Amino acid sequence: MARKTEERREELRQTLITLTEVQIRAAGVESLRARDLAKQAGCSVGAIYNVFDDLTGLAMAANIRTFQELAATIEVGLAQCGDTPTERLIAMSHAYLRFAQENEYAWRALFDIDIADGATAPDWYSAALAQLFGVIADPVQELFPNYSGEQVQLLTRALFSSVHGIVLLGLERATAGVPQEQISEMIAMVLKLISPRN
């Protein structure tokens, strides 16, 4: 009996994650409503909170699938580029841009999670983000072989923040933003400028 109860709970969990993923992709993370999800899942609102602590936890669970899809997109980009560290960084950044353009709501949801003041993301969520940074860190370490591990991590996050900011402003079409047709070019320019001359 306990096994069947756990199986039903896991089935509901996966159903809710899928429904949440679909909703986020359609209208963004801010559109999530427990009542709507419960109706679609055929369960009570209370049942959702028996599986997840809150809608933030549910959104994070859906975001793991987005991280996996983003990682796969980046791998494809890497498979189609040159071998130098700079070429790999540019290829990853262009893949990141394409993913954001093609999956804007899901991409935004990776960073628009509403975490309570003083709280931190769960370890499993931080690990997914760390995995993304790890892929970026490899070519950074090659470009700066004399940097310590801490310096490499700091520069990796700085580069990611720079690329993310260019993509975000470009997609928002902000007044002081980046023309969409020049986003890729700007990203490549920034990454080439930080690369040491060999």
Protein backbone atom coordinates (compact mmCIF):
# COMPACT_ATOMS: atom_id res chain seq x y z
CA MET A 1 0.00 0.00 0.00
CA ALA A 2 2.80 2.41 0.91
CA ARG A 3 4.50 1.70 -2.40
CA LYS A 4 1.31 2.46 -4.36
CA THR A 5 0.86 5.68 -2.41
CA GLU A 6 4.41 6.71 -3.22
CA GLU A 7 3.93 5.78 -6.88
CA ARG A 8 0.80 7.93 -7.08
CA ARG A 9 2.64 10.77 -5.40
CA GLU A 10 5.51 10.54 -7.89
CA GLU A 11 3.06 10.33 -10.78
CA LEU A 12 1.34 13.50 -9.57
CA ARG A 13 4.73 15.15 -9.11
CA GLN A 14 5.74 14.45 -12.71
CA THR A 15 2.33 15.56 -14.00
CA LEU A 16 2.59 18.85 -12.13
CA ILE A 17 6.12 19.46 -13.40
CA THR A 18 5.01 18.86 -16.98
CA LEU A 19 1.97 21.13 -16.62
CA THR A 20 4.14 23.80 -15.02
CA GLU A 21 6.69 23.57 -17.81
CA VAL A 22 3.95 23.98 -20.43
CA GLN A 23 2.46 26.96 -18.58
CA ILE A 24 5.82 28.67 -18.14
CA ARG A 25 6.64 28.26 -21.82
CA ALA A 26 3.24 29.68 -22.78
CA ALA A 27 2.99 32.67 -20.43
CA GLY A 28 5.97 32.88 -18.05
CA VAL A 29 6.61 31.83 -14.48
CA GLU A 30 4.47 34.66 -13.09
CA SER A 31 1.41 33.07 -14.70
CA LEU A 32 1.52 29.99 -12.46
CA ARG A 33 -1.63 29.52 -10.33
CA ALA A 34 -2.12 26.59 -7.99
CA ARG A 35 -5.86 26.44 -8.68
CA ASP A 36 -5.31 26.23 -12.44
CA LEU A 37 -2.63 23.56 -12.10
CA ALA A 38 -4.82 21.52 -9.76
CA LYS A 39 -7.71 21.64 -12.22
CA GLN A 40 -5.49 20.51 -15.08
CA ALA A 41 -3.90 17.75 -12.98
CA GLY A 42 -7.26 16.56 -11.67
CA CYS A 43 -6.26 17.00 -8.05
CA SER A 44 -7.00 19.34 -5.17
CA VAL A 45 -4.93 22.45 -4.49
CA GLY A 46 -3.86 20.85 -1.22
CA ALA A 47 -2.49 17.85 -3.11
CA ILE A 48 -0.01 20.14 -4.87
CA TYR A 49 1.38 21.25 -1.53
CA ASN A 50 1.68 17.65 -0.39
CA VAL A 51 4.15 17.18 -3.23
CA PHE A 52 5.84 20.60 -3.34
CA ASP A 53 6.38 23.12 -0.55
CA ASP A 54 5.24 25.98 -2.79
CA LEU A 55 4.94 27.09 -6.40
CA THR A 56 8.56 28.26 -6.33
CA GLY A 57 9.69 24.70 -5.68
CA LEU A 58 7.46 23.47 -8.48
CA ALA A 59 8.85 26.07 -10.89
CA MET A 60 12.40 25.08 -9.94
CA ALA A 61 11.61 21.44 -10.67
CA ALA A 62 10.35 22.44 -14.12
CA ASN A 63 13.45 24.58 -14.62
CA ILE A 64 15.71 21.56 -14.25
CA ARG A 65 14.29 20.30 -17.54
CA THR A 66 15.05 23.70 -19.07
CA PHE A 67 18.64 23.55 -17.80
CA GLN A 68 18.98 20.13 -19.46
CA GLU A 69 17.61 21.44 -22.74
CA LEU A 70 19.91 24.47 -22.57
CA ALA A 71 22.91 22.20 -21.92
CA ALA A 72 22.00 20.08 -24.96
CA THR A 73 21.72 23.22 -27.12
CA ILE A 74 25.16 24.36 -25.98
CA GLU A 75 26.64 20.92 -26.72
CA VAL A 76 25.32 21.14 -30.28
CA GLY A 77 26.88 24.58 -30.63
CA LEU A 78 30.23 23.28 -29.38
CA ALA A 79 30.16 20.39 -31.83
CA GLN A 80 29.91 22.84 -34.72
CA CYS A 81 32.68 25.29 -33.80
CA GLY A 82 36.46 25.59 -33.95
CA ASP A 83 38.88 24.28 -31.36
CA THR A 84 40.27 27.45 -29.77
CA PRO A 85 38.97 28.48 -26.33
CA THR A 86 37.67 31.78 -27.71
CA GLU A 87 35.81 30.05 -30.54
CA ARG A 88 34.23 27.69 -28.02
CA LEU A 89 33.16 30.55 -25.74
CA ILE A 90 31.60 32.37 -28.69
CA ALA A 91 29.85 29.20 -29.87
CA MET A 92 28.42 28.59 -26.40
CA SER A 93 27.25 32.20 -26.15
CA HIS A 94 25.57 32.08 -29.55
CA ALA A 95 23.85 28.82 -28.58
CA TYR A 96 22.72 30.51 -25.35
CA LEU A 97 21.31 33.40 -27.39
CA ARG A 98 19.45 31.06 -29.75
CA PHE A 99 17.98 29.17 -26.83
CA ALA A 100 16.81 32.40 -25.21
CA GLN A 101 15.26 33.62 -28.46
CA GLU A 102 13.45 30.34 -29.12
CA ASN A 103 12.39 29.65 -25.50
CA GLU A 104 12.14 33.12 -24.00
CA TYR A 105 9.68 32.44 -21.17
CA ALA A 106 11.38 29.22 -20.12
CA TRP A 107 14.79 30.91 -20.30
CA ARG A 108 13.61 33.86 -18.21
CA ALA A 109 12.13 31.47 -15.64
CA LEU A 110 15.62 30.15 -14.89
CA PHE A 111 16.44 33.50 -13.31
CA ASP A 112 13.04 34.91 -12.33
CA ILE A 113 12.46 32.53 -9.42
CA ASP A 114 10.98 34.33 -6.42
CA ILE A 115 13.10 33.13 -3.49
CA ALA A 116 12.23 34.51 -0.06
CA ASP A 117 14.59 37.01 1.55
CA GLY A 118 17.38 35.23 3.37
CA ALA A 119 16.65 31.92 1.65
CA THR A 120 18.93 30.20 -0.85
CA ALA A 121 18.24 27.94 -3.79
CA PRO A 122 18.25 24.21 -3.00
CA ASP A 123 21.53 22.38 -3.53
CA TRP A 124 20.15 20.45 -6.50
CA TYR A 125 19.19 23.70 -8.22
CA SER A 126 22.54 25.34 -7.51
CA ALA A 127 24.25 22.20 -8.86
CA ALA A 128 22.40 22.55 -12.19
CA LEU A 129 23.61 26.14 -12.53
CA ALA A 130 27.13 25.11 -11.45
CA GLN A 131 27.16 22.51 -14.22
CA LEU A 132 26.48 25.26 -16.75
CA PHE A 133 29.28 27.38 -15.31
CA GLY A 134 31.59 24.35 -15.40
CA VAL A 135 31.25 24.07 -19.18
CA ILE A 136 32.15 27.75 -19.52
CA ALA A 137 35.06 27.48 -17.08
CA ASP A 138 37.00 24.97 -19.19
CA PRO A 139 37.91 27.36 -22.04
CA VAL A 140 38.39 30.21 -19.54
CA GLN A 141 41.01 28.11 -17.74
CA GLU A 142 42.73 27.45 -21.07
CA LEU A 143 42.81 31.17 -21.85
CA PHE A 144 44.16 32.04 -18.42
CA PRO A 145 46.30 29.07 -17.30
CA ASN A 146 47.95 31.08 -14.52
CA TYR A 147 44.66 31.96 -12.85
CA SER A 148 43.73 30.21 -9.65
CA GLY A 149 40.57 28.13 -9.49
CA GLU A 150 38.85 30.96 -7.64
CA GLN A 151 39.88 33.53 -10.28
CA VAL A 152 38.65 31.26 -13.06
CA GLN A 153 35.28 30.85 -11.34
CA LEU A 154 34.98 34.59 -10.82
CA LEU A 155 35.84 35.38 -14.45
CA THR A 156 33.47 32.64 -15.64
CA ARG A 157 30.59 34.23 -13.74
CA ALA A 158 31.60 37.68 -14.97
CA LEU A 159 31.59 36.51 -18.60
CA PHE A 160 28.27 34.73 -18.16
CA SER A 161 26.78 37.86 -16.58
CA SER A 162 28.05 39.97 -19.49
CA VAL A 163 26.60 37.67 -22.14
CA HIS A 164 23.37 37.26 -20.19
CA GLY A 165 23.01 41.03 -19.88
CA ILE A 166 23.52 41.57 -23.62
CA VAL A 167 20.96 38.86 -24.42
CA LEU A 168 18.47 40.19 -21.88
CA LEU A 169 18.65 43.78 -23.10
CA GLY A 170 18.45 42.63 -26.68
CA LEU A 171 15.35 40.52 -26.07
CA GLU A 172 13.69 43.29 -24.06
CA ARG A 173 14.30 45.73 -26.89
CA ALA A 174 14.99 48.32 -24.20
CA THR A 175 15.63 51.93 -25.16
CA ALA A 176 19.29 51.58 -24.23
CA GLY A 177 19.36 47.96 -25.32
CA VAL A 178 20.97 46.03 -28.10
CA PRO A 179 19.61 45.81 -31.66
CA GLN A 180 18.54 42.20 -32.15
CA GLU A 181 20.43 41.81 -35.39
CA GLN A 182 23.67 42.83 -33.65
CA ILE A 183 23.45 40.73 -30.47
CA SER A 184 25.60 37.90 -31.84
CA GLU A 185 28.20 40.35 -33.13
CA MET A 186 28.38 42.20 -29.80
CA ILE A 187 28.82 38.97 -27.87
CA ALA A 188 31.66 37.88 -30.15
CA MET A 189 33.34 41.28 -29.83
CA VAL A 190 33.28 41.18 -26.02
CA LEU A 191 34.63 37.63 -25.84
CA LYS A 192 37.40 38.34 -28.35
CA LEU A 193 38.47 41.42 -26.39
CA ILE A 194 38.91 39.53 -23.12
CA SER A 195 40.97 36.79 -24.77
CA PRO A 196 44.72 37.16 -24.34
CA ARG A 197 46.67 37.68 -27.55
CA ASN A 198 48.50 34.46 -28.41
